[in-house]
């Protein structure tokens, strides 16, 4: 990955929360909660099987198998991008 690449959204959230903690002591408690939530989001990524189950339950057999696989593939890409 290039060094000048823009950090991902979670990294940006963490960076901003740390700035708030340093610059606004009265806001530190709330900003610490934001850091905790961002770390939990980073740690918890649904895998392909979980995404396939979600899509399967939500589509209730309305999507052809090929479309369902494509949707799961796209959701996996979104999860990877969210890093």
PDB file of N, CA and C in Angstrom:
ATOM      1  N   UNK A   1       0.838  -1.171   0.000  1.00  0.00           N
ATOM      2  CA  UNK A   1       0.000   0.000   0.000  1.00  0.00           C
ATOM      3  C   UNK A   1       0.890   1.243   0.000  1.00  0.00           C
ATOM      4  N   UNK A   2       0.541   2.251  -0.735  1.00  0.00           N
ATOM      5  CA  UNK A   2       1.322   3.467  -0.811  1.00  0.00           C
ATOM      6  C   UNK A   2       1.276   4.215   0.512  1.00  0.00           C
ATOM      7  N   UNK A   3       2.400   4.877   0.841  1.00  0.00           N
ATOM      8  CA  UNK A   3       2.464   5.592   2.108  1.00  0.00           C
ATOM      9  C   UNK A   3       1.555   6.807   2.139  1.00  0.00           C
ATOM     10  N   UNK A   4       1.296   7.408   0.976  1.00  0.00           N
ATOM     11  CA  UNK A   4       0.469   8.602   0.947  1.00  0.00           C
ATOM     12  C   UNK A   4      -1.019   8.283   0.792  1.00  0.00           C
ATOM     13  N   UNK A   5      -1.361   7.009   0.905  1.00  0.00           N
ATOM     14  CA  UNK A   5      -2.763   6.607   0.793  1.00  0.00           C
ATOM     15  C   UNK A   5      -3.543   7.168   1.976  1.00  0.00           C
ATOM     16  N   UNK A   6      -4.779   7.544   1.715  1.00  0.00           N
ATOM     17  CA  UNK A   6      -5.632   8.077   2.759  1.00  0.00           C
ATOM     18  C   UNK A   6      -5.985   6.962   3.739  1.00  0.00           C
ATOM     19  N   UNK A   7      -5.926   7.270   5.044  1.00  0.00           N
ATOM     20  CA  UNK A   7      -6.293   6.231   6.020  1.00  0.00           C
ATOM     21  C   UNK A   7      -7.767   5.868   5.888  1.00  0.00           C
ATOM     22  N   UNK A   8      -8.096   4.656   6.291  1.00  0.00           N
ATOM     23  CA  UNK A   8      -9.471   4.187   6.236  1.00  0.00           C
ATOM     24  C   UNK A   8     -10.343   4.940   7.230  1.00  0.00           C
ATOM     25  N   UNK A   9     -11.661   4.775   7.099  1.00  0.00           N
ATOM     26  CA  UNK A   9     -12.574   5.517   7.972  1.00  0.00           C
ATOM     27  C   UNK A   9     -12.385   5.224   9.454  1.00  0.00           C
ATOM     28  N   UNK A  10     -12.084   3.995   9.800  1.00  0.00           N
ATOM     29  CA  UNK A  10     -11.900   3.675  11.221  1.00  0.00           C
ATOM     30  C   UNK A  10     -10.648   4.364  11.756  1.00  0.00           C
ATOM     31  N   UNK A  11      -9.586   4.373  10.954  1.00  0.00           N
ATOM     32  CA  UNK A  11      -8.367   5.064  11.371  1.00  0.00           C
ATOM     33  C   UNK A  11      -8.614   6.563  11.546  1.00  0.00           C
ATOM     34  N   UNK A  12      -9.413   7.147  10.669  1.00  0.00           N
ATOM     35  CA  UNK A  12      -9.738   8.566  10.782  1.00  0.00           C
ATOM     36  C   UNK A  12     -10.552   8.846  12.046  1.00  0.00           C
ATOM     37  N   UNK A  13     -11.499   7.970  12.347  1.00  0.00           N
ATOM     38  CA  UNK A  13     -12.299   8.121  13.567  1.00  0.00           C
ATOM     39  C   UNK A  13     -11.409   8.030  14.801  1.00  0.00           C
ATOM     40  N   UNK A  14     -10.513   7.049  14.817  1.00  0.00           N
ATOM     41  CA  UNK A  14      -9.613   6.896  15.958  1.00  0.00           C
ATOM     42  C   UNK A  14      -8.701   8.102  16.116  1.00  0.00           C
ATOM     43  N   UNK A  15      -8.179   8.594  15.024  1.00  0.00           N
ATOM     44  CA  UNK A  15      -7.298   9.759  15.066  1.00  0.00           C
ATOM     45  C   UNK A  15      -8.023  10.979  15.624  1.00  0.00           C
ATOM     46  N   UNK A  16      -9.224  11.218  15.130  1.00  0.00           N
ATOM     47  CA  UNK A  16     -10.005  12.357  15.610  1.00  0.00           C
ATOM     48  C   UNK A  16     -10.356  12.203  17.095  1.00  0.00           C
ATOM     49  N   UNK A  17     -10.730  11.012  17.497  1.00  0.00           N
ATOM     50  CA  UNK A  17     -11.067  10.780  18.905  1.00  0.00           C
ATOM     51  C   UNK A  17      -9.854  11.031  19.798  1.00  0.00           C
ATOM     52  N   UNK A  18      -8.675  10.618  19.362  1.00  0.00           N
ATOM     53  CA  UNK A  18      -7.464  10.859  20.155  1.00  0.00           C
ATOM     54  C   UNK A  18      -7.147  12.353  20.228  1.00  0.00           C
ATOM     55  N   UNK A  19      -7.383  13.075  19.145  1.00  0.00           N
ATOM     56  CA  UNK A  19      -7.200  14.535  19.170  1.00  0.00           C
ATOM     57  C   UNK A  19      -8.143  15.171  20.187  1.00  0.00           C
ATOM     58  N   UNK A  20      -9.391  14.726  20.197  1.00  0.00           N
ATOM     59  CA  UNK A  20     -10.377  15.260  21.137  1.00  0.00           C
ATOM     60  C   UNK A  20      -9.940  14.982  22.572  1.00  0.00           C
ATOM     61  N   UNK A  21      -9.455  13.773  22.826  1.00  0.00           N
ATOM     62  CA  UNK A  21      -9.004  13.403  24.173  1.00  0.00           C
ATOM     63  C   UNK A  21      -7.879  14.327  24.628  1.00  0.00           C
ATOM     64  N   UNK A  22      -6.940  14.616  23.718  1.00  0.00           N
ATOM     65  CA  UNK A  22      -5.798  15.461  24.076  1.00  0.00           C
ATOM     66  C   UNK A  22      -6.177  16.934  24.235  1.00  0.00           C
ATOM     67  N   UNK A  23      -7.087  17.431  23.413  1.00  0.00           N
ATOM     68  CA  UNK A  23      -7.378  18.861  23.375  1.00  0.00           C
ATOM     69  C   UNK A  23      -8.548  19.286  24.263  1.00  0.00           C
ATOM     70  N   UNK A  24      -9.392  18.354  24.644  1.00  0.00           N
ATOM     71  CA  UNK A  24     -10.590  18.721  25.408  1.00  0.00           C
ATOM     72  C   UNK A  24     -10.798  17.735  26.552  1.00  0.00           C
ATOM     73  N   UNK A  25     -10.148  17.990  27.682  1.00  0.00           N
ATOM     74  CA  UNK A  25     -10.278  17.062  28.818  1.00  0.00           C
ATOM     75  C   UNK A  25     -11.727  16.800  29.240  1.00  0.00           C
ATOM     76  N   UNK A  26     -12.592  17.796  29.093  1.00  0.00           N
ATOM     77  CA  UNK A  26     -13.979  17.580  29.491  1.00  0.00           C
ATOM     78  C   UNK A  26     -14.724  16.660  28.518  1.00  0.00           C
ATOM     79  N   UNK A  27     -14.174  16.474  27.319  1.00  0.00           N
ATOM     80  CA  UNK A  27     -14.783  15.597  26.308  1.00  0.00           C
ATOM     81  C   UNK A  27     -14.132  14.215  26.271  1.00  0.00           C
ATOM     82  N   UNK A  28     -13.091  14.031  27.053  1.00  0.00           N
ATOM     83  CA  UNK A  28     -12.292  12.800  26.974  1.00  0.00           C
ATOM     84  C   UNK A  28     -13.107  11.544  27.221  1.00  0.00           C
ATOM     85  N   UNK A  29     -14.037  11.616  28.152  1.00  0.00           N
ATOM     86  CA  UNK A  29     -14.829  10.413  28.460  1.00  0.00           C
ATOM     87  C   UNK A  29     -15.631   9.957  27.249  1.00  0.00           C
ATOM     88  N   UNK A  30     -16.306  10.903  26.582  1.00  0.00           N
ATOM     89  CA  UNK A  30     -17.081  10.550  25.386  1.00  0.00           C
ATOM     90  C   UNK A  30     -16.171  10.090  24.267  1.00  0.00           C
ATOM     91  N   UNK A  31     -15.049  10.758  24.078  1.00  0.00           N
ATOM     92  CA  UNK A  31     -14.123  10.379  23.008  1.00  0.00           C
ATOM     93  C   UNK A  31     -13.539   8.988  23.262  1.00  0.00           C
ATOM     94  N   UNK A  32     -13.324   8.643  24.517  1.00  0.00           N
ATOM     95  CA  UNK A  32     -12.825   7.308  24.859  1.00  0.00           C
ATOM     96  C   UNK A  32     -13.843   6.248  24.467  1.00  0.00           C
ATOM     97  N   UNK A  33     -15.120   6.549  24.615  1.00  0.00           N
ATOM     98  CA  UNK A  33     -16.169   5.610  24.182  1.00  0.00           C
ATOM     99  C   UNK A  33     -16.126   5.432  22.670  1.00  0.00           C
ATOM    100  N   UNK A  34     -15.868   6.518  21.952  1.00  0.00           N
ATOM    101  CA  UNK A  34     -15.762   6.428  20.495  1.00  0.00           C
ATOM    102  C   UNK A  34     -14.589   5.525  20.116  1.00  0.00           C
ATOM    103  N   UNK A  35     -13.469   5.677  20.801  1.00  0.00           N
ATOM    104  CA  UNK A  35     -12.301   4.817  20.544  1.00  0.00           C
ATOM    105  C   UNK A  35     -12.671   3.353  20.789  1.00  0.00           C
ATOM    106  N   UNK A  36     -13.368   3.092  21.884  1.00  0.00           N
ATOM    107  CA  UNK A  36     -13.771   1.721  22.210  1.00  0.00           C
ATOM    108  C   UNK A  36     -14.654   1.142  21.094  1.00  0.00           C
ATOM    109  N   UNK A  37     -15.651   1.919  20.653  1.00  0.00           N
ATOM    110  CA  UNK A  37     -16.556   1.437  19.607  1.00  0.00           C
ATOM    111  C   UNK A  37     -15.815   1.215  18.294  1.00  0.00           C
ATOM    112  N   UNK A  38     -14.937   2.130  17.928  1.00  0.00           N
ATOM    113  CA  UNK A  38     -14.182   1.980  16.678  1.00  0.00           C
ATOM    114  C   UNK A  38     -13.315   0.718  16.715  1.00  0.00           C
ATOM    115  N   UNK A  39     -12.698   0.463  17.856  1.00  0.00           N
ATOM    116  CA  UNK A  39     -11.891  -0.761  17.986  1.00  0.00           C
ATOM    117  C   UNK A  39     -12.754  -2.009  17.905  1.00  0.00           C
ATOM    118  N   UNK A  40     -13.956  -1.963  18.477  1.00  0.00           N
ATOM    119  CA  UNK A  40     -14.855  -3.117  18.389  1.00  0.00           C
ATOM    120  C   UNK A  40     -15.282  -3.355  16.943  1.00  0.00           C
ATOM    121  N   UNK A  41     -15.552  -2.291  16.221  1.00  0.00           N
ATOM    122  CA  UNK A  41     -15.923  -2.426  14.807  1.00  0.00           C
ATOM    123  C   UNK A  41     -14.765  -3.030  14.029  1.00  0.00           C
ATOM    124  N   UNK A  42     -13.562  -2.558  14.286  1.00  0.00           N
ATOM    125  CA  UNK A  42     -12.386  -3.063  13.578  1.00  0.00           C
ATOM    126  C   UNK A  42     -12.182  -4.555  13.853  1.00  0.00           C
ATOM    127  N   UNK A  43     -12.404  -4.964  15.091  1.00  0.00           N
ATOM    128  CA  UNK A  43     -12.202  -6.359  15.469  1.00  0.00           C
ATOM    129  C   UNK A  43     -13.278  -7.284  14.925  1.00  0.00           C
ATOM    130  N   UNK A  44     -14.465  -6.779  14.753  1.00  0.00           N
ATOM    131  CA  UNK A  44     -15.603  -7.629  14.386  1.00  0.00           C
ATOM    132  C   UNK A  44     -15.933  -7.469  12.914  1.00  0.00           C
ATOM    133  N   UNK A  45     -15.514  -8.413  12.139  1.00  0.00           N
ATOM    134  CA  UNK A  45     -15.807  -8.424  10.715  1.00  0.00           C
ATOM    135  C   UNK A  45     -16.563  -9.707  10.392  1.00  0.00           C
ATOM    136  N   UNK A  46     -17.760  -9.610   9.824  1.00  0.00           N
ATOM    137  CA  UNK A  46     -18.477 -10.835   9.466  1.00  0.00           C
ATOM    138  C   UNK A  46     -17.723 -11.576   8.359  1.00  0.00           C
ATOM    139  N   UNK A  47     -17.691 -12.886   8.458  1.00  0.00           N
ATOM    140  CA  UNK A  47     -17.023 -13.667   7.423  1.00  0.00           C
ATOM    141  C   UNK A  47     -18.015 -14.013   6.307  1.00  0.00           C
ATOM    142  N   UNK A  48     -17.517 -14.689   5.282  1.00  0.00           N
ATOM    143  CA  UNK A  48     -18.330 -15.028   4.109  1.00  0.00           C
ATOM    144  C   UNK A  48     -19.560 -15.840   4.498  1.00  0.00           C
ATOM    145  N   UNK A  49     -19.398 -16.800   5.403  1.00  0.00           N
ATOM    146  CA  UNK A  49     -20.531 -17.647   5.805  1.00  0.00           C
ATOM    147  C   UNK A  49     -21.619 -16.829   6.500  1.00  0.00           C
ATOM    148  N   UNK A  50     -21.210 -15.916   7.379  1.00  0.00           N
ATOM    149  CA  UNK A  50     -22.199 -15.068   8.057  1.00  0.00           C
ATOM    150  C   UNK A  50     -22.940 -14.184   7.056  1.00  0.00           C
ATOM    151  N   UNK A  51     -22.198 -13.614   6.115  1.00  0.00           N
ATOM    152  CA  UNK A  51     -22.837 -12.766   5.105  1.00  0.00           C
ATOM    153  C   UNK A  51     -23.790 -13.574   4.232  1.00  0.00           C
ATOM    154  N   UNK A  52     -23.385 -14.783   3.864  1.00  0.00           N
ATOM    155  CA  UNK A  52     -24.252 -15.637   3.051  1.00  0.00           C
ATOM    156  C   UNK A  52     -25.531 -15.989   3.803  1.00  0.00           C
ATOM    157  N   UNK A  53     -25.411 -16.233   5.093  1.00  0.00           N
ATOM    158  CA  UNK A  53     -26.596 -16.535   5.904  1.00  0.00           C
ATOM    159  C   UNK A  53     -27.531 -15.335   5.963  1.00  0.00           C
ATOM    160  N   UNK A  54     -26.962 -14.166   6.173  1.00  0.00           N
ATOM    161  CA  UNK A  54     -27.780 -12.946   6.231  1.00  0.00           C
ATOM    162  C   UNK A  54     -28.514 -12.734   4.910  1.00  0.00           C
ATOM    163  N   UNK A  55     -27.788 -12.852   3.800  1.00  0.00           N
ATOM    164  CA  UNK A  55     -28.405 -12.659   2.483  1.00  0.00           C
ATOM    165  C   UNK A  55     -29.472 -13.718   2.242  1.00  0.00           C
ATOM    166  N   UNK A  56     -29.176 -14.952   2.593  1.00  0.00           N
ATOM    167  CA  UNK A  56     -30.138 -16.035   2.399  1.00  0.00           C
ATOM    168  C   UNK A  56     -31.419 -15.825   3.177  1.00  0.00           C
ATOM    169  N   UNK A  57     -31.286 -15.402   4.425  1.00  0.00           N
ATOM    170  CA  UNK A  57     -32.468 -15.161   5.256  1.00  0.00           C
ATOM    171  C   UNK A  57     -33.261 -13.979   4.715  1.00  0.00           C
ATOM    172  N   UNK A  58     -32.575 -12.924   4.341  1.00  0.00           N
ATOM    173  CA  UNK A  58     -33.264 -11.730   3.872  1.00  0.00           C
ATOM    174  C   UNK A  58     -33.918 -11.914   2.507  1.00  0.00           C
ATOM    175  N   UNK A  59     -33.291 -12.712   1.643  1.00  0.00           N
ATOM    176  CA  UNK A  59     -33.866 -12.894   0.304  1.00  0.00           C
ATOM    177  C   UNK A  59     -34.973 -13.944   0.305  1.00  0.00           C
ATOM    178  N   UNK A  60     -34.977 -14.800   1.301  1.00  0.00           N
ATOM    179  CA  UNK A  60     -36.006 -15.839   1.449  1.00  0.00           C
ATOM    180  C   UNK A  60     -36.269 -16.583   0.140  1.00  0.00           C
ATOM    181  N   UNK A  61     -35.187 -16.923  -0.562  1.00  0.00           N
ATOM    182  CA  UNK A  61     -35.317 -17.687  -1.800  1.00  0.00           C
ATOM    183  C   UNK A  61     -35.741 -16.871  -3.009  1.00  0.00           C
ATOM    184  N   UNK A  62     -35.811 -15.566  -2.897  1.00  0.00           N
ATOM    185  CA  UNK A  62     -36.249 -14.728  -4.011  1.00  0.00           C
ATOM    186  C   UNK A  62     -35.132 -14.443  -5.019  1.00  0.00           C
ATOM    187  N   UNK A  63     -33.882 -14.612  -4.601  1.00  0.00           N
ATOM    188  CA  UNK A  63     -32.758 -14.357  -5.503  1.00  0.00           C
ATOM    189  C   UNK A  63     -32.245 -15.667  -6.089  1.00  0.00           C
ATOM    190  N   UNK A  64     -31.926 -15.669  -7.376  1.00  0.00           N
ATOM    191  CA  UNK A  64     -31.273 -16.851  -7.950  1.00  0.00           C
ATOM    192  C   UNK A  64     -29.900 -17.039  -7.290  1.00  0.00           C
ATOM    193  N   UNK A  65     -29.410 -18.268  -7.313  1.00  0.00           N
ATOM    194  CA  UNK A  65     -28.128 -18.569  -6.655  1.00  0.00           C
ATOM    195  C   UNK A  65     -26.989 -17.680  -7.154  1.00  0.00           C
ATOM    196  N   UNK A  66     -26.933 -17.449  -8.459  1.00  0.00           N
ATOM    197  CA  UNK A  66     -25.855 -16.630  -9.018  1.00  0.00           C
ATOM    198  C   UNK A  66     -25.906 -15.203  -8.473  1.00  0.00           C
ATOM    199  N   UNK A  67     -27.103 -14.656  -8.358  1.00  0.00           N
ATOM    200  CA  UNK A  67     -27.257 -13.290  -7.823  1.00  0.00           C
ATOM    201  C   UNK A  67     -26.886 -13.254  -6.337  1.00  0.00           C
ATOM    202  N   UNK A  68     -27.275 -14.293  -5.624  1.00  0.00           N
ATOM    203  CA  UNK A  68     -26.956 -14.346  -4.205  1.00  0.00           C
ATOM    204  C   UNK A  68     -25.441 -14.421  -4.000  1.00  0.00           C
ATOM    205  N   UNK A  69     -24.762 -15.254  -4.791  1.00  0.00           N
ATOM    206  CA  UNK A  69     -23.300 -15.340  -4.690  1.00  0.00           C
ATOM    207  C   UNK A  69     -22.654 -14.000  -5.023  1.00  0.00           C
ATOM    208  N   UNK A  70     -23.163 -13.332  -6.049  1.00  0.00           N
ATOM    209  CA  UNK A  70     -22.612 -12.026  -6.435  1.00  0.00           C
ATOM    210  C   UNK A  70     -22.822 -11.008  -5.309  1.00  0.00           C
ATOM    211  N   UNK A  71     -23.979 -11.029  -4.686  1.00  0.00           N
ATOM    212  CA  UNK A  71     -24.263 -10.105  -3.590  1.00  0.00           C
ATOM    213  C   UNK A  71     -23.328 -10.376  -2.412  1.00  0.00           C
ATOM    214  N   UNK A  72     -23.117 -11.627  -2.086  1.00  0.00           N
ATOM    215  CA  UNK A  72     -22.205 -11.982  -0.992  1.00  0.00           C
ATOM    216  C   UNK A  72     -20.786 -11.535  -1.339  1.00  0.00           C
ATOM    217  N   UNK A  73     -20.362 -11.733  -2.592  1.00  0.00           N
ATOM    218  CA  UNK A  73     -19.035 -11.281  -3.023  1.00  0.00           C
ATOM    219  C   UNK A  73     -18.887  -9.774  -2.838  1.00  0.00           C
ATOM    220  N   UNK A  74     -19.913  -9.039  -3.221  1.00  0.00           N
ATOM    221  CA  UNK A  74     -19.865  -7.587  -3.088  1.00  0.00           C
ATOM    222  C   UNK A  74     -19.855  -7.162  -1.617  1.00  0.00           C
ATOM    223  N   UNK A  75     -20.625  -7.835  -0.799  1.00  0.00           N
ATOM    224  CA  UNK A  75     -20.617  -7.521   0.632  1.00  0.00           C
ATOM    225  C   UNK A  75     -19.256  -7.811   1.259  1.00  0.00           C
ATOM    226  N   UNK A  76     -18.622  -8.884   0.829  1.00  0.00           N
ATOM    227  CA  UNK A  76     -17.275  -9.191   1.316  1.00  0.00           C
ATOM    228  C   UNK A  76     -16.306  -8.074   0.937  1.00  0.00           C
ATOM    229  N   UNK A  77     -16.441  -7.557  -0.277  1.00  0.00           N
ATOM    230  CA  UNK A  77     -15.585  -6.442  -0.730  1.00  0.00           C
ATOM    231  C   UNK A  77     -15.819  -5.197   0.134  1.00  0.00           C
ATOM    232  N   UNK A  78     -17.077  -4.934   0.464  1.00  0.00           N
ATOM    233  CA  UNK A  78     -17.396  -3.779   1.315  1.00  0.00           C
ATOM    234  C   UNK A  78     -16.768  -3.949   2.685  1.00  0.00           C
ATOM    235  N   UNK A  79     -16.833  -5.147   3.234  1.00  0.00           N
ATOM    236  CA  UNK A  79     -16.238  -5.407   4.549  1.00  0.00           C
ATOM    237  C   UNK A  79     -14.735  -5.197   4.490  1.00  0.00           C
ATOM    238  N   UNK A  80     -14.087  -5.658   3.428  1.00  0.00           N
ATOM    239  CA  UNK A  80     -12.640  -5.448   3.286  1.00  0.00           C
ATOM    240  C   UNK A  80     -12.325  -3.968   3.168  1.00  0.00           C
ATOM    241  N   UNK A  81     -13.132  -3.226   2.423  1.00  0.00           N
ATOM    242  CA  UNK A  81     -12.904  -1.800   2.236  1.00  0.00           C
ATOM    243  C   UNK A  81     -13.044  -1.040   3.544  1.00  0.00           C
ATOM    244  N   UNK A  82     -13.912  -1.506   4.398  1.00  0.00           N
ATOM    245  CA  UNK A  82     -14.172  -0.803   5.659  1.00  0.00           C
ATOM    246  C   UNK A  82     -12.962  -0.789   6.585  1.00  0.00           C
ATOM    247  N   UNK A  83     -11.971  -1.607   6.312  1.00  0.00           N
ATOM    248  CA  UNK A  83     -10.766  -1.601   7.120  1.00  0.00           C
ATOM    249  C   UNK A  83     -10.067  -0.299   6.910  1.00  0.00           C
TER     250      UNK A  83
END
